[in-house]
Protein backbone atom coordinates (compact mmCIF):
# COMPACT_ATOMS: atom_id res chain seq x y z
CA MET A 1 0.02 0.00 0.03
CA SER A 2 1.56 3.27 -1.27
CA ARG A 3 0.87 6.73 0.86
CA CYS A 4 1.56 10.12 -0.39
CA LEU A 5 1.11 13.29 1.70
CA ILE A 6 -0.62 16.83 0.80
CA VAL A 7 0.42 19.91 2.56
CA ARG A 8 -1.84 22.84 2.17
CA PHE A 9 -2.79 24.10 5.64
CA SER A 10 -5.03 27.06 4.72
CA ALA A 11 -7.09 29.10 3.75
CA ILE A 12 -10.50 27.06 2.85
CA GLY A 13 -10.62 28.40 -0.76
CA ASP A 14 -6.82 27.68 -1.42
CA VAL A 15 -7.59 24.01 0.00
CA VAL A 16 -10.38 23.63 -2.26
CA MET A 17 -8.11 24.81 -5.38
CA SER A 18 -5.92 22.27 -4.25
CA VAL A 19 -8.47 19.25 -4.31
CA PRO A 20 -7.72 18.43 -8.34
CA VAL A 21 -3.89 17.61 -7.20
CA ALA A 22 -5.74 14.69 -4.87
CA VAL A 23 -8.25 13.45 -7.86
CA SER A 24 -5.05 13.24 -10.21
CA ILE A 25 -3.28 11.19 -7.66
CA ARG A 26 -6.36 9.11 -7.09
CA LYS A 27 -6.83 8.17 -11.06
CA ALA A 28 -3.28 7.50 -11.32
CA ILE A 29 -2.67 5.52 -8.35
CA PRO A 30 -5.96 3.97 -7.36
CA GLU A 31 -4.76 2.12 -4.15
CA CYS A 32 -2.69 4.99 -2.82
CA GLU A 33 -3.64 6.52 0.59
CA ILE A 34 -3.59 10.22 0.42
CA TRP A 35 -2.90 12.09 3.65
CA TRP A 36 -3.59 15.85 3.92
CA VAL A 37 -2.34 18.12 6.63
CA ALA A 38 -4.85 21.13 6.89
CA GLU A 39 -5.71 23.47 9.53
CA LYS A 40 -8.90 22.40 11.40
CA PRO A 41 -11.44 25.01 9.61
CA CYS A 42 -10.34 23.67 6.32
CA GLU A 43 -10.92 19.84 7.32
CA GLN A 44 -14.70 20.33 6.44
CA VAL A 45 -13.84 20.74 2.83
CA LEU A 46 -11.92 17.62 2.95
CA ASP A 47 -14.45 15.29 4.25
CA THR A 48 -14.34 13.02 1.09
CA PRO A 49 -13.42 9.33 2.22
CA SER A 50 -13.49 7.97 -1.36
CA LEU A 51 -10.48 10.52 -2.02
CA ILE A 52 -8.63 11.76 1.27
CA HIS A 53 -7.71 8.69 3.60
CA THR A 54 -6.82 10.92 6.54
CA VAL A 55 -6.84 14.57 7.26
CA VAL A 56 -4.21 15.60 9.80
CA GLU A 57 -4.68 18.59 11.66
CA SER A 58 -2.10 21.04 11.73
CA PRO A 59 -1.68 23.22 14.89
CA ARG A 60 -2.37 26.86 14.60
CA LEU A 61 0.41 29.27 15.19
CA LYS A 62 -1.70 32.51 14.99
CA ASN A 63 -0.31 35.38 17.20
CA GLN A 64 2.22 32.62 18.34
CA ARG A 65 4.86 32.28 15.39
CA PHE A 66 7.25 33.38 17.30
CA LYS A 67 6.83 31.26 20.66
CA LEU A 68 9.19 28.21 20.86
CA SER A 69 6.54 26.02 22.84
CA ALA A 70 3.84 26.52 19.68
CA TRP A 71 6.73 25.54 17.17
CA ARG A 72 7.71 22.42 19.45
CA THR A 73 4.23 21.40 19.19
CA ARG A 74 3.85 21.93 15.78
CA LEU A 75 6.98 19.84 15.16
CA ALA A 76 5.88 16.99 17.79
CA ALA A 77 2.77 16.90 15.50
CA TYR A 78 4.77 16.65 11.82
CA ALA A 79 7.49 14.18 13.45
CA ARG A 80 4.19 11.82 14.18
CA LEU A 81 3.84 11.82 9.98
CA ARG A 82 7.01 9.64 9.67
CA HIS A 83 5.61 6.37 10.86
CA ALA A 84 3.15 6.85 7.76
CA ASP A 85 6.23 6.18 5.21
CA PHE A 86 5.11 8.29 2.52
CA GLU A 87 6.20 7.40 -0.71
CA PHE A 88 6.03 11.23 -2.01
CA GLY A 89 4.97 14.51 -0.53
CA LEU A 90 3.79 17.64 -2.01
CA ASP A 91 3.71 21.32 -0.28
CA LEU A 92 1.02 23.19 -2.17
CA GLN A 93 1.60 26.22 -0.22
CA GLY A 94 5.34 26.94 -0.36
CA GLN A 95 5.84 28.69 2.83
CA VAL A 96 8.06 28.07 5.96
CA LYS A 97 5.38 26.43 8.09
CA THR A 98 4.58 23.75 5.55
CA ALA A 99 8.02 23.58 3.98
CA VAL A 100 8.86 22.68 7.51
CA CYS A 101 6.22 20.02 7.55
CA LEU A 102 6.92 18.42 4.64
CA ARG A 103 10.35 18.12 5.44
CA VAL A 104 9.99 16.72 9.02
CA SER A 105 7.29 14.11 7.37
CA GLY A 106 10.03 12.12 5.91
CA ALA A 107 8.56 11.38 2.45
CA ARG A 108 11.11 9.84 0.59
CA LYS A 109 10.13 12.17 -2.65
CA ARG A 110 9.40 15.76 -1.51
CA LEU A 111 8.57 18.47 -3.75
CA SER A 112 7.01 22.34 -3.31
CA VAL A 113 5.21 24.53 -5.97
CA PRO A 114 7.57 27.31 -7.04
CA THR A 115 8.00 29.76 -4.14
CA SER A 116 9.54 32.98 -3.51
CA ASP A 117 10.20 32.20 0.27
CA GLY A 118 14.09 31.74 0.18
CA LEU A 119 14.05 29.42 3.42
CA ALA A 120 11.10 27.37 2.00
CA ALA A 121 12.80 26.89 -0.80
CA ARG A 122 16.10 25.43 0.64
CA LEU A 123 14.02 22.89 2.87
CA ASN A 124 12.46 21.13 0.05
CA PRO A 125 13.05 20.80 -3.82
CA CYS A 126 10.84 23.27 -5.52
CA ALA A 127 9.16 22.76 -9.22
CA LYS A 128 10.76 24.97 -11.79
CA PHE A 129 8.33 26.69 -13.80
CA ASP A 130 6.97 30.43 -14.31
CA ILE A 131 3.79 30.81 -12.45
CA GLN A 132 3.03 34.32 -13.42
CA SER A 133 0.20 33.59 -15.80
CA MET A 134 -0.68 30.35 -14.05
CA HIS A 135 -3.88 29.78 -12.20
CA ALA A 136 -3.14 28.29 -8.85
CA VAL A 137 -5.23 24.93 -9.89
CA GLU A 138 -2.77 24.73 -12.86
CA VAL A 139 0.29 25.44 -10.60
CA GLY A 140 -0.44 22.60 -8.22
CA LEU A 141 -1.32 20.24 -11.16
CA LYS A 142 2.15 21.00 -13.02
CA THR A 143 4.07 20.72 -9.85
CA LEU A 144 2.41 17.10 -9.38
CA THR A 145 3.54 16.33 -13.17
CA GLN A 146 7.15 16.38 -12.07
CA LEU A 147 6.70 13.53 -9.88
CA GLY A 148 5.32 11.50 -12.55
CA ALA A 149 2.67 10.70 -15.15
CA PHE A 150 -0.49 12.68 -13.58
CA GLU A 151 -3.20 14.16 -15.41
CA GLN A 152 -3.32 18.02 -15.62
CA GLN A 153 -7.35 18.15 -16.42
CA PRO A 154 -8.71 19.94 -13.51
CA GLU A 155 -11.30 17.41 -11.39
CA TRP A 156 -13.15 18.07 -7.92
CA GLN A 157 -14.42 15.56 -5.70
CA MET A 158 -16.06 17.31 -2.87
CA PRO A 159 -18.19 16.36 -0.07
CA SER A 160 -21.55 14.71 -0.45
CA LEU A 161 -23.30 17.09 2.15
CA GLU A 162 -26.22 14.68 2.17
CA GLY A 163 -27.02 15.56 5.99
CA GLU A 164 -26.60 19.33 5.56
CA THR A 165 -28.68 19.55 2.35
CA LYS A 166 -31.58 17.73 4.47
CA ALA A 167 -31.24 20.43 7.21
CA MET A 168 -31.32 23.15 5.02
CA SER A 169 -34.26 21.91 2.63
CA GLN A 170 -36.67 24.30 3.78
CA HIS A 171 -34.64 27.18 2.11
CA ILE A 172 -33.59 24.96 -0.96
CA ASP A 173 -35.20 25.37 -4.19
CA ARG A 174 -34.45 25.95 -7.78
CA LYS A 175 -35.10 29.89 -7.59
CA LEU A 176 -32.27 29.96 -4.64
CA VAL A 177 -29.50 32.62 -4.91
CA THR A 178 -26.80 33.01 -2.36
CA ILE A 179 -24.70 35.52 -1.39
CA SER A 180 -21.59 35.64 0.68
CA VAL A 181 -21.12 38.73 2.48
CA GLY A 182 -17.82 37.63 4.06
CA GLY A 183 -14.05 38.03 3.28
CA SER A 184 -10.92 37.20 5.03
CA PHE A 185 -9.92 40.89 4.95
CA GLU A 186 -11.70 43.89 5.07
CA ASP A 187 -10.19 45.23 1.96
CA LYS A 188 -11.64 42.03 0.15
CA ARG A 189 -15.26 42.80 0.95
CA TYR A 190 -18.09 43.88 -0.97
CA PRO A 191 -20.29 46.50 1.22
CA ILE A 192 -23.09 44.75 2.63
CA GLU A 193 -25.58 47.91 1.10
CA MET A 194 -24.29 47.06 -2.37
CA TRP A 195 -24.98 43.49 -1.86
CA SER A 196 -28.52 44.50 -0.55
CA GLN A 197 -29.15 46.35 -3.65
CA VAL A 198 -28.08 43.14 -5.88
CA ALA A 199 -30.27 41.05 -3.78
CA GLN A 200 -33.37 43.69 -4.34
CA ALA A 201 -33.04 43.34 -7.89
CA LEU A 202 -32.60 39.38 -8.22
CA THR A 203 -35.70 39.45 -5.56
CA GLY A 204 -37.58 41.45 -8.03
CA ASP A 205 -37.05 38.51 -10.51
CA GLY A 206 -38.49 35.99 -8.56
CA PHE A 207 -35.26 34.85 -7.03
CA ASN A 208 -35.05 33.50 -3.40
CA VAL A 209 -32.01 35.22 -1.93
CA ALA A 210 -29.94 33.97 0.96
CA PHE A 211 -27.16 35.70 2.85
CA LEU A 212 -24.30 33.66 4.26
CA GLY A 213 -21.58 34.53 6.41
CA GLY A 214 -19.81 33.95 9.65
CA PRO A 215 -20.21 35.31 12.98
CA GLY A 216 -19.35 39.04 12.91
CA ASP A 217 -19.94 39.68 9.35
CA PRO A 218 -22.07 42.30 8.22
CA GLU A 219 -25.82 41.43 8.23
CA PRO A 220 -28.44 42.72 5.33
CA THR A 221 -31.62 44.26 5.43
CA THR A 222 -33.09 42.44 2.70
CA GLY A 223 -33.56 38.97 1.67
CA LEU A 224 -33.03 35.69 4.03
CA ASN A 225 -30.61 36.58 6.74
CA LEU A 226 -28.54 33.55 7.37
CA VAL A 227 -25.42 35.02 8.53
CA GLY A 228 -23.84 33.50 11.45
CA LYS A 229 -26.93 30.85 11.57
CA THR A 230 -25.13 28.00 9.58
CA SER A 231 -22.15 25.88 9.89
CA LEU A 232 -19.74 25.86 7.13
CA ARG A 233 -21.12 22.56 5.84
CA GLU A 234 -24.62 23.80 5.97
CA SER A 235 -23.58 26.85 4.06
CA MET A 236 -21.66 24.62 1.45
CA ALA A 237 -25.09 22.80 1.14
CA LEU A 238 -26.68 25.99 0.42
CA VAL A 239 -24.15 27.20 -1.92
CA LYS A 240 -24.03 23.46 -3.64
CA SER A 241 -27.97 23.79 -4.23
CA SER A 242 -27.90 27.35 -5.62
CA ALA A 243 -28.88 28.41 -9.01
CA LEU A 244 -26.33 31.00 -8.58
CA HIS A 245 -23.73 32.08 -6.11
CA LEU A 246 -22.30 35.55 -5.47
CA ALA A 247 -19.13 36.57 -3.38
CA ALA A 248 -16.21 38.73 -3.03
CA ASP A 249 -12.72 36.89 -3.10
CA THR A 250 -13.36 34.43 -0.57
CA GLY A 251 -13.77 30.51 -0.02
CA THR A 252 -17.57 30.19 -0.89
CA GLY A 253 -16.61 31.19 -4.50
CA HIS A 254 -14.25 28.48 -4.93
CA ILE A 255 -16.97 25.94 -3.21
CA ALA A 256 -19.33 26.98 -5.59
CA ALA A 257 -17.14 26.44 -8.49
CA ALA A 258 -15.96 23.06 -7.41
CA TYR A 259 -19.56 21.87 -7.36
CA GLY A 260 -20.41 23.31 -10.86
CA VAL A 261 -22.32 26.25 -9.61
CA PRO A 262 -22.45 29.52 -11.38
CA VAL A 263 -20.61 32.27 -9.50
CA VAL A 264 -20.22 35.88 -9.71
CA SER A 265 -16.93 37.21 -8.19
CA ILE A 266 -16.17 40.27 -7.10
CA PHE A 267 -12.10 41.00 -6.48
CA GLY A 268 -10.07 43.78 -5.17
CA PRO A 269 -6.39 43.63 -4.44
CA THR A 270 -6.03 40.18 -5.31
CA ASN A 271 -5.08 38.70 -8.65
CA ALA A 272 -7.73 37.35 -10.38
CA THR A 273 -6.16 35.64 -13.06
CA ARG A 274 -4.08 33.21 -10.47
CA PHE A 275 -6.81 33.09 -7.73
CA ARG A 276 -10.35 33.67 -9.10
CA PRO A 277 -12.76 30.66 -9.07
CA TYR A 278 -11.74 28.08 -11.48
CA SER A 279 -15.00 27.67 -13.53
CA ASP A 280 -16.20 28.09 -17.29
CA ARG A 281 -19.57 28.94 -15.44
CA GLY A 282 -17.99 32.04 -13.51
CA VAL A 283 -17.56 35.79 -14.09
CA VAL A 284 -14.91 38.11 -12.43
CA LEU A 285 -15.54 41.69 -11.72
CA GLN A 286 -12.84 43.83 -10.79
CA ARG A 287 -11.73 47.53 -11.50
CA GLU A 288 -9.64 48.86 -8.84
CA ARG A 289 -8.26 47.38 -5.42
CA ASP A 290 -11.12 48.22 -3.79
CA PRO A 291 -14.04 45.99 -4.58
CA ALA A 292 -16.68 48.81 -3.90
CA SER A 293 -15.31 50.16 -7.49
CA VAL A 294 -17.34 47.32 -9.13
CA PRO A 295 -20.96 49.00 -9.70
CA VAL A 296 -24.02 47.50 -8.62
CA GLU A 297 -25.67 47.72 -12.05
CA ASP A 298 -22.58 45.54 -13.17
CA VAL A 299 -23.04 43.00 -10.61
CA ILE A 300 -26.74 42.74 -11.20
CA SER A 301 -26.10 42.45 -15.09
CA ALA A 302 -23.56 39.38 -14.78
CA ALA A 303 -25.76 37.44 -12.42
CA LYS A 304 -28.73 37.87 -14.68
CA LYS A 305 -26.70 36.63 -17.44
CA LEU A 306 -25.09 33.64 -15.39
CA LEU A 307 -28.78 32.92 -14.43
CA GLU A 308 -30.16 32.71 -17.93
CA ALA A 309 -27.23 30.99 -19.42
CA HIS A 310 -27.64 28.14 -16.93
CA ALA A 311 -31.25 28.27 -16.51
CA ASN A 312 -31.64 24.60 -17.33
CA THR A 313 -28.71 23.26 -15.97
CA HIS A 314 -29.41 23.49 -12.32
């Protein structure tokens, strides 16, 4: 029984964009046990037993990255990976913390995505190619091919969410549109007032709009307000069941793309060429570094066009 290790700690959207690497490994080596090291919030998007054998939680070092005790805890967790005897391992994040994990894991072959982090590049061999015009999904798959004959065509296997879909069934119908109001950083968020205008326009066209978000995210004054009221998995189930999903540069946009749901993404300071939701059913709107520079009218227009184009595929 062969085993391999994928190291991609966070964030949720980045972990979702890395799933095609696991799918490519599974297709090439069906008997391989795929292990994945991720931070706890990301484990929920990897709960696919037919794909991922084991998810190992990486202790978070938030606000503790310079504390020796925190690093000792992390190193001890990484050292326990050595007993698995990994045939090969991949660092798909390319940072010092993930590079240390892969190095300590003892994988017989190790490879990292191209990285500009000098210390990370010294800890493990790095793939050598220009990533400037490449999407993050493609970077991961191209890195994998340097370890063997693996497919580069992206494919996702995501959690089925049967229980969560049943729990959210009262909100699900063919007219459901979901809007995620969150964002990992304030400069990535689209203003709640502008989202509310989008929701009003779509409600006027007969759609049922549900707002999603975590505790502390801004709450709307229109539509179905589920902000802070659902778990991540329940939010995923609602996104999966949507006729359309709208979000700023945040994880739910990538989740929608992975489930084949049409998605409108509003980007600000992030490079959309590399980090947009990877989908042929997606539209990215980006003008300046501030997401608020994207007019509401543009968002409504993009949403209606996607809804019309995919009306019979949901």
